[in-house]
PDB file of N, CA and C in Angstrom:
ATOM      1  N   MET A   1      17.408 -24.820 -11.368  1.00  0.00           N
ATOM      2  CA  MET A   1      16.646 -23.789 -12.009  1.00  0.00           C
ATOM      3  C   MET A   1      15.192 -23.868 -11.511  1.00  0.00           C
ATOM      4  N   ILE A   2      14.609 -22.674 -11.326  1.00  0.00           N
ATOM      5  CA  ILE A   2      13.209 -22.570 -10.960  1.00  0.00           C
ATOM      6  C   ILE A   2      12.384 -22.626 -12.264  1.00  0.00           C
ATOM      7  N   PRO A   3      11.422 -23.545 -12.292  1.00  0.00           N
ATOM      8  CA  PRO A   3      10.621 -23.666 -13.585  1.00  0.00           C
ATOM      9  C   PRO A   3       9.691 -22.392 -13.715  1.00  0.00           C
ATOM     10  N   LEU A   4       9.281 -22.165 -14.979  1.00  0.00           N
ATOM     11  CA  LEU A   4       8.420 -21.150 -15.359  1.00  0.00           C
ATOM     12  C   LEU A   4       7.113 -21.250 -14.560  1.00  0.00           C
ATOM     13  N   TYR A   5       6.662 -20.154 -14.085  1.00  0.00           N
ATOM     14  CA  TYR A   5       5.368 -19.919 -13.369  1.00  0.00           C
ATOM     15  C   TYR A   5       5.379 -20.590 -11.990  1.00  0.00           C
ATOM     16  N   LYS A   6       6.523 -20.955 -11.462  1.00  0.00           N
ATOM     17  CA  LYS A   6       6.677 -21.488 -10.089  1.00  0.00           C
ATOM     18  C   LYS A   6       7.092 -20.376  -9.096  1.00  0.00           C
ATOM     19  N   SER A   7       6.721 -20.637  -7.824  1.00  0.00           N
ATOM     20  CA  SER A   7       6.965 -19.683  -6.807  1.00  0.00           C
ATOM     21  C   SER A   7       8.429 -19.628  -6.383  1.00  0.00           C
ATOM     22  N   CYS A   8       8.814 -18.489  -6.033  1.00  0.00           N
ATOM     23  CA  CYS A   8      10.170 -18.141  -5.533  1.00  0.00           C
ATOM     24  C   CYS A   8      10.119 -17.101  -4.418  1.00  0.00           C
ATOM     25  N   ALA A   9      11.170 -16.979  -3.620  1.00  0.00           N
ATOM     26  CA  ALA A   9      11.298 -15.950  -2.647  1.00  0.00           C
ATOM     27  C   ALA A   9      12.657 -15.333  -2.648  1.00  0.00           C
ATOM     28  N   LEU A  10      12.694 -14.021  -2.401  1.00  0.00           N
ATOM     29  CA  LEU A  10      13.999 -13.331  -2.365  1.00  0.00           C
ATOM     30  C   LEU A  10      14.877 -13.769  -1.210  1.00  0.00           C
ATOM     31  N   VAL A  11      16.176 -13.813  -1.476  1.00  0.00           N
ATOM     32  CA  VAL A  11      17.141 -14.078  -0.373  1.00  0.00           C
ATOM     33  C   VAL A  11      17.998 -12.811  -0.066  1.00  0.00           C
ATOM     34  N   VAL A  12      17.670 -11.774  -0.849  1.00  0.00           N
ATOM     35  CA  VAL A  12      18.326 -10.412  -0.600  1.00  0.00           C
ATOM     36  C   VAL A  12      17.297  -9.335  -0.713  1.00  0.00           C
ATOM     37  N   ASP A  13      17.578  -8.164  -0.125  1.00  0.00           N
ATOM     38  CA  ASP A  13      16.761  -6.959  -0.277  1.00  0.00           C
ATOM     39  C   ASP A  13      17.020  -6.356  -1.686  1.00  0.00           C
ATOM     40  N   LEU A  14      16.071  -5.880  -2.375  1.00  0.00           N
ATOM     41  CA  LEU A  14      16.210  -5.147  -3.634  1.00  0.00           C
ATOM     42  C   LEU A  14      15.486  -3.853  -3.600  1.00  0.00           C
ATOM     43  N   PRO A  15      16.147  -2.773  -3.840  1.00  0.00           N
ATOM     44  CA  PRO A  15      15.488  -1.434  -3.837  1.00  0.00           C
ATOM     45  C   PRO A  15      14.620  -1.348  -5.167  1.00  0.00           C
ATOM     46  N   ALA A  16      13.559  -0.588  -5.039  1.00  0.00           N
ATOM     47  CA  ALA A  16      12.688  -0.255  -6.254  1.00  0.00           C
ATOM     48  C   ALA A  16      13.566   0.727  -7.134  1.00  0.00           C
ATOM     49  N   GLN A  17      14.027   0.257  -8.332  1.00  0.00           N
ATOM     50  CA  GLN A  17      14.881   1.055  -9.125  1.00  0.00           C
ATOM     51  C   GLN A  17      14.168   1.734 -10.306  1.00  0.00           C
ATOM     52  N   ASP A  18      12.934   1.400 -10.514  1.00  0.00           N
ATOM     53  CA  ASP A  18      12.177   2.071 -11.579  1.00  0.00           C
ATOM     54  C   ASP A  18      10.651   1.904 -11.275  1.00  0.00           C
ATOM     55  N   GLU A  19       9.879   2.348 -12.276  1.00  0.00           N
ATOM     56  CA  GLU A  19       8.480   2.341 -12.060  1.00  0.00           C
ATOM     57  C   GLU A  19       7.846   0.956 -12.134  1.00  0.00           C
ATOM     58  N   LEU A  20       8.600  -0.070 -12.377  1.00  0.00           N
ATOM     59  CA  LEU A  20       8.033  -1.407 -12.473  1.00  0.00           C
ATOM     60  C   LEU A  20       7.739  -1.958 -11.086  1.00  0.00           C
ATOM     61  N   LEU A  21       8.320  -1.409 -10.028  1.00  0.00           N
ATOM     62  CA  LEU A  21       8.032  -1.930  -8.650  1.00  0.00           C
ATOM     63  C   LEU A  21       7.405  -0.782  -7.858  1.00  0.00           C
ATOM     64  N   ASP A  22       6.305  -1.157  -7.117  1.00  0.00           N
ATOM     65  CA  ASP A  22       5.562  -0.271  -6.257  1.00  0.00           C
ATOM     66  C   ASP A  22       6.378   0.127  -4.948  1.00  0.00           C
ATOM     67  N   ARG A  23       7.299  -0.743  -4.545  1.00  0.00           N
ATOM     68  CA  ARG A  23       8.047  -0.510  -3.311  1.00  0.00           C
ATOM     69  C   ARG A  23       9.342  -1.312  -3.311  1.00  0.00           C
ATOM     70  N   ASP A  24      10.240  -1.076  -2.409  1.00  0.00           N
ATOM     71  CA  ASP A  24      11.452  -1.916  -2.260  1.00  0.00           C
ATOM     72  C   ASP A  24      11.033  -3.328  -1.929  1.00  0.00           C
ATOM     73  N   LEU A  25      11.821  -4.222  -2.416  1.00  0.00           N
ATOM     74  CA  LEU A  25      11.533  -5.693  -2.121  1.00  0.00           C
ATOM     75  C   LEU A  25      12.398  -6.105  -0.917  1.00  0.00           C
ATOM     76  N   ARG A  26      11.892  -7.017  -0.059  1.00  0.00           N
ATOM     77  CA  ARG A  26      12.639  -7.453   1.129  1.00  0.00           C
ATOM     78  C   ARG A  26      12.828  -8.958   1.019  1.00  0.00           C
ATOM     79  N   VAL A  27      13.847  -9.435   1.786  1.00  0.00           N
ATOM     80  CA  VAL A  27      14.121 -10.861   1.925  1.00  0.00           C
ATOM     81  C   VAL A  27      12.727 -11.510   2.371  1.00  0.00           C
ATOM     82  N   GLY A  28      12.439 -12.579   1.626  1.00  0.00           N
ATOM     83  CA  GLY A  28      11.218 -13.340   1.877  1.00  0.00           C
ATOM     84  C   GLY A  28      10.059 -12.924   0.965  1.00  0.00           C
ATOM     85  N   ASP A  29      10.108 -11.841   0.347  1.00  0.00           N
ATOM     86  CA  ASP A  29       9.011 -11.481  -0.565  1.00  0.00           C
ATOM     87  C   ASP A  29       8.935 -12.536  -1.663  1.00  0.00           C
ATOM     88  N   ARG A  30       7.677 -12.926  -1.983  1.00  0.00           N
ATOM     89  CA  ARG A  30       7.407 -14.079  -2.870  1.00  0.00           C
ATOM     90  C   ARG A  30       6.892 -13.504  -4.204  1.00  0.00           C
ATOM     91  N   GLY A  31       7.262 -14.337  -5.233  1.00  0.00           N
ATOM     92  CA  GLY A  31       6.817 -14.049  -6.556  1.00  0.00           C
ATOM     93  C   GLY A  31       6.686 -15.299  -7.439  1.00  0.00           C
ATOM     94  N   ALA A  32       6.450 -15.106  -8.627  1.00  0.00           N
ATOM     95  CA  ALA A  32       6.339 -16.204  -9.590  1.00  0.00           C
ATOM     96  C   ALA A  32       7.280 -15.846 -10.809  1.00  0.00           C
ATOM     97  N   VAL A  33       8.034 -16.869 -11.186  1.00  0.00           N
ATOM     98  CA  VAL A  33       8.916 -16.789 -12.346  1.00  0.00           C
ATOM     99  C   VAL A  33       8.047 -16.565 -13.664  1.00  0.00           C
ATOM    100  N   ILE A  34       8.260 -15.509 -14.344  1.00  0.00           N
ATOM    101  CA  ILE A  34       7.480 -15.318 -15.613  1.00  0.00           C
ATOM    102  C   ILE A  34       8.367 -15.408 -16.843  1.00  0.00           C
ATOM    103  N   GLU A  35       9.719 -15.421 -16.627  1.00  0.00           N
ATOM    104  CA  GLU A  35      10.585 -15.656 -17.832  1.00  0.00           C
ATOM    105  C   GLU A  35      11.877 -16.188 -17.177  1.00  0.00           C
ATOM    106  N   ILE A  36      12.517 -16.971 -18.019  1.00  0.00           N
ATOM    107  CA  ILE A  36      13.808 -17.616 -17.630  1.00  0.00           C
ATOM    108  C   ILE A  36      14.851 -17.148 -18.634  1.00  0.00           C
ATOM    109  N   TYR A  37      16.017 -16.713 -18.180  1.00  0.00           N
ATOM    110  CA  TYR A  37      17.090 -16.230 -19.046  1.00  0.00           C
ATOM    111  C   TYR A  37      18.353 -17.032 -18.867  1.00  0.00           C
ATOM    112  N   GLU A  38      19.103 -17.297 -19.976  1.00  0.00           N
ATOM    113  CA  GLU A  38      20.323 -17.898 -19.937  1.00  0.00           C
ATOM    114  C   GLU A  38      20.339 -19.265 -19.127  1.00  0.00           C
ATOM    115  N   ASN A  39      19.372 -20.111 -19.446  1.00  0.00           N
ATOM    116  CA  ASN A  39      19.243 -21.418 -18.800  1.00  0.00           C
ATOM    117  C   ASN A  39      19.209 -21.366 -17.334  1.00  0.00           C
ATOM    118  N   GLY A  40      18.540 -20.412 -16.763  1.00  0.00           N
ATOM    119  CA  GLY A  40      18.277 -20.304 -15.351  1.00  0.00           C
ATOM    120  C   GLY A  40      19.310 -19.406 -14.572  1.00  0.00           C
ATOM    121  N   ALA A  41      20.161 -18.640 -15.313  1.00  0.00           N
ATOM    122  CA  ALA A  41      21.105 -17.735 -14.664  1.00  0.00           C
ATOM    123  C   ALA A  41      20.390 -16.530 -14.127  1.00  0.00           C
ATOM    124  N   ALA A  42      19.189 -16.210 -14.745  1.00  0.00           N
ATOM    125  CA  ALA A  42      18.425 -15.035 -14.285  1.00  0.00           C
ATOM    126  C   ALA A  42      16.940 -15.251 -14.573  1.00  0.00           C
ATOM    127  N   TYR A  43      16.077 -14.513 -13.936  1.00  0.00           N
ATOM    128  CA  TYR A  43      14.638 -14.650 -14.116  1.00  0.00           C
ATOM    129  C   TYR A  43      14.011 -13.234 -14.166  1.00  0.00           C
ATOM    130  N   ALA A  44      12.867 -13.249 -14.852  1.00  0.00           N
ATOM    131  CA  ALA A  44      11.943 -12.059 -14.502  1.00  0.00           C
ATOM    132  C   ALA A  44      10.901 -12.649 -13.613  1.00  0.00           C
ATOM    133  N   VAL A  45      10.634 -11.937 -12.573  1.00  0.00           N
ATOM    134  CA  VAL A  45       9.741 -12.409 -11.486  1.00  0.00           C
ATOM    135  C   VAL A  45       8.661 -11.380 -11.188  1.00  0.00           C
ATOM    136  N   GLU A  46       7.399 -11.809 -11.176  1.00  0.00           N
ATOM    137  CA  GLU A  46       6.353 -10.936 -10.654  1.00  0.00           C
ATOM    138  C   GLU A  46       6.164 -11.152  -9.172  1.00  0.00           C
ATOM    139  N   PHE A  47       6.391 -10.055  -8.422  1.00  0.00           N
ATOM    140  CA  PHE A  47       6.339 -10.201  -6.988  1.00  0.00           C
ATOM    141  C   PHE A  47       4.928  -9.788  -6.492  1.00  0.00           C
ATOM    142  N   PHE A  48       4.408 -10.437  -5.366  1.00  0.00           N
ATOM    143  CA  PHE A  48       3.105 -10.150  -4.839  1.00  0.00           C
ATOM    144  C   PHE A  48       3.132  -9.782  -3.422  1.00  0.00           C
ATOM    145  N   GLU A  49       2.147  -8.952  -3.025  1.00  0.00           N
ATOM    146  CA  GLU A  49       1.922  -8.761  -1.523  1.00  0.00           C
ATOM    147  C   GLU A  49       1.220 -10.003  -0.981  1.00  0.00           C
ATOM    148  N   GLU A  50       1.130 -10.119   0.288  1.00  0.00           N
ATOM    149  CA  GLU A  50       0.492 -11.280   0.865  1.00  0.00           C
ATOM    150  C   GLU A  50      -1.039 -11.418   0.494  1.00  0.00           C
ATOM    151  N   ASP A  51      -1.695 -10.249   0.211  1.00  0.00           N
ATOM    152  CA  ASP A  51      -3.087 -10.259  -0.179  1.00  0.00           C
ATOM    153  C   ASP A  51      -3.314 -10.642  -1.630  1.00  0.00           C
ATOM    154  N   GLY A  52      -2.190 -10.886  -2.401  1.00  0.00           N
ATOM    155  CA  GLY A  52      -2.192 -11.267  -3.725  1.00  0.00           C
ATOM    156  C   GLY A  52      -2.124 -10.142  -4.744  1.00  0.00           C
ATOM    157  N   SER A  53      -2.052  -8.855  -4.207  1.00  0.00           N
ATOM    158  CA  SER A  53      -1.936  -7.803  -5.253  1.00  0.00           C
ATOM    159  C   SER A  53      -0.472  -7.736  -5.678  1.00  0.00           C
ATOM    160  N   THR A  54      -0.330  -7.289  -6.881  1.00  0.00           N
ATOM    161  CA  THR A  54       1.005  -7.159  -7.500  1.00  0.00           C
ATOM    162  C   THR A  54       1.901  -6.037  -7.027  1.00  0.00           C
ATOM    163  N   ILE A  55       3.132  -6.381  -6.546  1.00  0.00           N
ATOM    164  CA  ILE A  55       4.081  -5.303  -6.289  1.00  0.00           C
ATOM    165  C   ILE A  55       4.702  -4.821  -7.504  1.00  0.00           C
ATOM    166  N   GLY A  56       5.104  -5.745  -8.426  1.00  0.00           N
ATOM    167  CA  GLY A  56       5.698  -5.328  -9.641  1.00  0.00           C
ATOM    168  C   GLY A  56       6.547  -6.514 -10.309  1.00  0.00           C
ATOM    169  N   VAL A  57       7.210  -6.217 -11.297  1.00  0.00           N
ATOM    170  CA  VAL A  57       8.007  -7.210 -12.039  1.00  0.00           C
ATOM    171  C   VAL A  57       9.476  -6.662 -12.075  1.00  0.00           C
ATOM    172  N   THR A  58      10.449  -7.518 -11.839  1.00  0.00           N
ATOM    173  CA  THR A  58      11.822  -7.145 -11.997  1.00  0.00           C
ATOM    174  C   THR A  58      12.643  -8.362 -12.333  1.00  0.00           C
ATOM    175  N   TRP A  59      13.884  -8.065 -12.811  1.00  0.00           N
ATOM    176  CA  TRP A  59      14.802  -9.044 -13.162  1.00  0.00           C
ATOM    177  C   TRP A  59      15.758  -9.417 -12.033  1.00  0.00           C
ATOM    178  N   VAL A  60      15.948 -10.662 -11.726  1.00  0.00           N
ATOM    179  CA  VAL A  60      16.842 -11.050 -10.626  1.00  0.00           C
ATOM    180  C   VAL A  60      17.811 -12.150 -11.164  1.00  0.00           C
ATOM    181  N   SER A  61      18.940 -12.223 -10.466  1.00  0.00           N
ATOM    182  CA  SER A  61      19.860 -13.337 -10.811  1.00  0.00           C
ATOM    183  C   SER A  61      19.429 -14.613 -10.054  1.00  0.00           C
ATOM    184  N   ALA A  62      19.861 -15.770 -10.394  1.00  0.00           N
ATOM    185  CA  ALA A  62      19.501 -17.003  -9.777  1.00  0.00           C
ATOM    186  C   ALA A  62      19.979 -16.995  -8.292  1.00  0.00           C
ATOM    187  N   GLU A  63      21.000 -16.302  -7.927  1.00  0.00           N
ATOM    188  CA  GLU A  63      21.473 -16.181  -6.567  1.00  0.00           C
ATOM    189  C   GLU A  63      20.619 -15.304  -5.681  1.00  0.00           C
ATOM    190  N   GLN A  64      19.762 -14.491  -6.299  1.00  0.00           N
ATOM    191  CA  GLN A  64      18.941 -13.612  -5.501  1.00  0.00           C
ATOM    192  C   GLN A  64      17.562 -14.188  -5.107  1.00  0.00           C
ATOM    193  N   VAL A  65      17.232 -15.370  -5.549  1.00  0.00           N
ATOM    194  CA  VAL A  65      15.956 -16.082  -5.314  1.00  0.00           C
ATOM    195  C   VAL A  65      16.123 -17.493  -4.879  1.00  0.00           C
ATOM    196  N   ARG A  66      15.189 -18.062  -4.293  1.00  0.00           N
ATOM    197  CA  ARG A  66      15.155 -19.541  -4.009  1.00  0.00           C
ATOM    198  C   ARG A  66      13.776 -20.081  -4.392  1.00  0.00           C
ATOM    199  N   PRO A  67      13.690 -21.354  -4.817  1.00  0.00           N
ATOM    200  CA  PRO A  67      12.400 -21.871  -5.068  1.00  0.00           C
ATOM    201  C   PRO A  67      11.632 -22.189  -3.732  1.00  0.00           C
ATOM    202  N   VAL A  68      10.335 -21.974  -3.748  1.00  0.00           N
ATOM    203  CA  VAL A  68       9.483 -22.313  -2.586  1.00  0.00           C
ATOM    204  C   VAL A  68       8.249 -23.060  -3.010  1.00  0.00           C
ATOM    205  N   THR A  69       7.722 -23.788  -2.063  1.00  0.00           N
ATOM    206  CA  THR A  69       6.405 -24.516  -2.316  1.00  0.00           C
ATOM    207  C   THR A  69       5.386 -23.727  -1.579  1.00  0.00           C
ATOM    208  N   GLU A  70       4.171 -23.869  -1.835  1.00  0.00           N
ATOM    209  CA  GLU A  70       3.100 -23.119  -1.204  1.00  0.00           C
ATOM    210  C   GLU A  70       3.052 -23.424   0.270  1.00  0.00           C
ATOM    211  N   SER A  71       3.584 -24.542   0.725  1.00  0.00           N
ATOM    212  CA  SER A  71       3.485 -24.882   2.246  1.00  0.00           C
ATOM    213  C   SER A  71       4.686 -24.352   3.008  1.00  0.00           C
ATOM    214  N   GLN A  72       5.730 -23.866   2.230  1.00  0.00           N
ATOM    215  CA  GLN A  72       6.963 -23.229   2.897  1.00  0.00           C
ATOM    216  C   GLN A  72       6.693 -21.841   3.265  1.00  0.00           C
ATOM    217  N   PRO A  73       7.285 -21.454   4.387  1.00  0.00           N
ATOM    218  CA  PRO A  73       7.177 -19.967   4.786  1.00  0.00           C
ATOM    219  C   PRO A  73       8.118 -19.217   3.887  1.00  0.00           C
ATOM    220  N   ALA A  74       7.761 -18.003   3.588  1.00  0.00           N
ATOM    221  CA  ALA A  74       8.555 -17.173   2.652  1.00  0.00           C
ATOM    222  C   ALA A  74       9.891 -16.701   3.235  1.00  0.00           C
ATOM    223  N   ALA A  75       9.948 -16.296   4.472  1.00  0.00           N
ATOM    224  CA  ALA A  75      11.162 -15.836   5.069  1.00  0.00           C
ATOM    225  C   ALA A  75      12.098 -16.999   5.400  1.00  0.00           C
ATOM    226  N   THR A  76      13.325 -16.706   5.284  1.00  0.00           N
ATOM    227  CA  THR A  76      14.426 -17.687   5.555  1.00  0.00           C
ATOM    228  C   THR A  76      15.106 -17.407   6.864  1.00  0.00           C
TER     229      THR A  76
END
């Protein structure tokens, strides 16, 4: 389980499906977990551009993200 407020990166592409995302998300995009659902089965994640600006918030399953540390590259 990725802890609350910790960094994660997408392992799949996700299309922008509503007004909560400014653009499609791509593998390697990074975000921070802002809510944990069903003991880590799913997360609400706020995703960010490399300059720190917010892309948006979306819900993802645990299989769609991986934990990262600040020293790890985003892309897998």
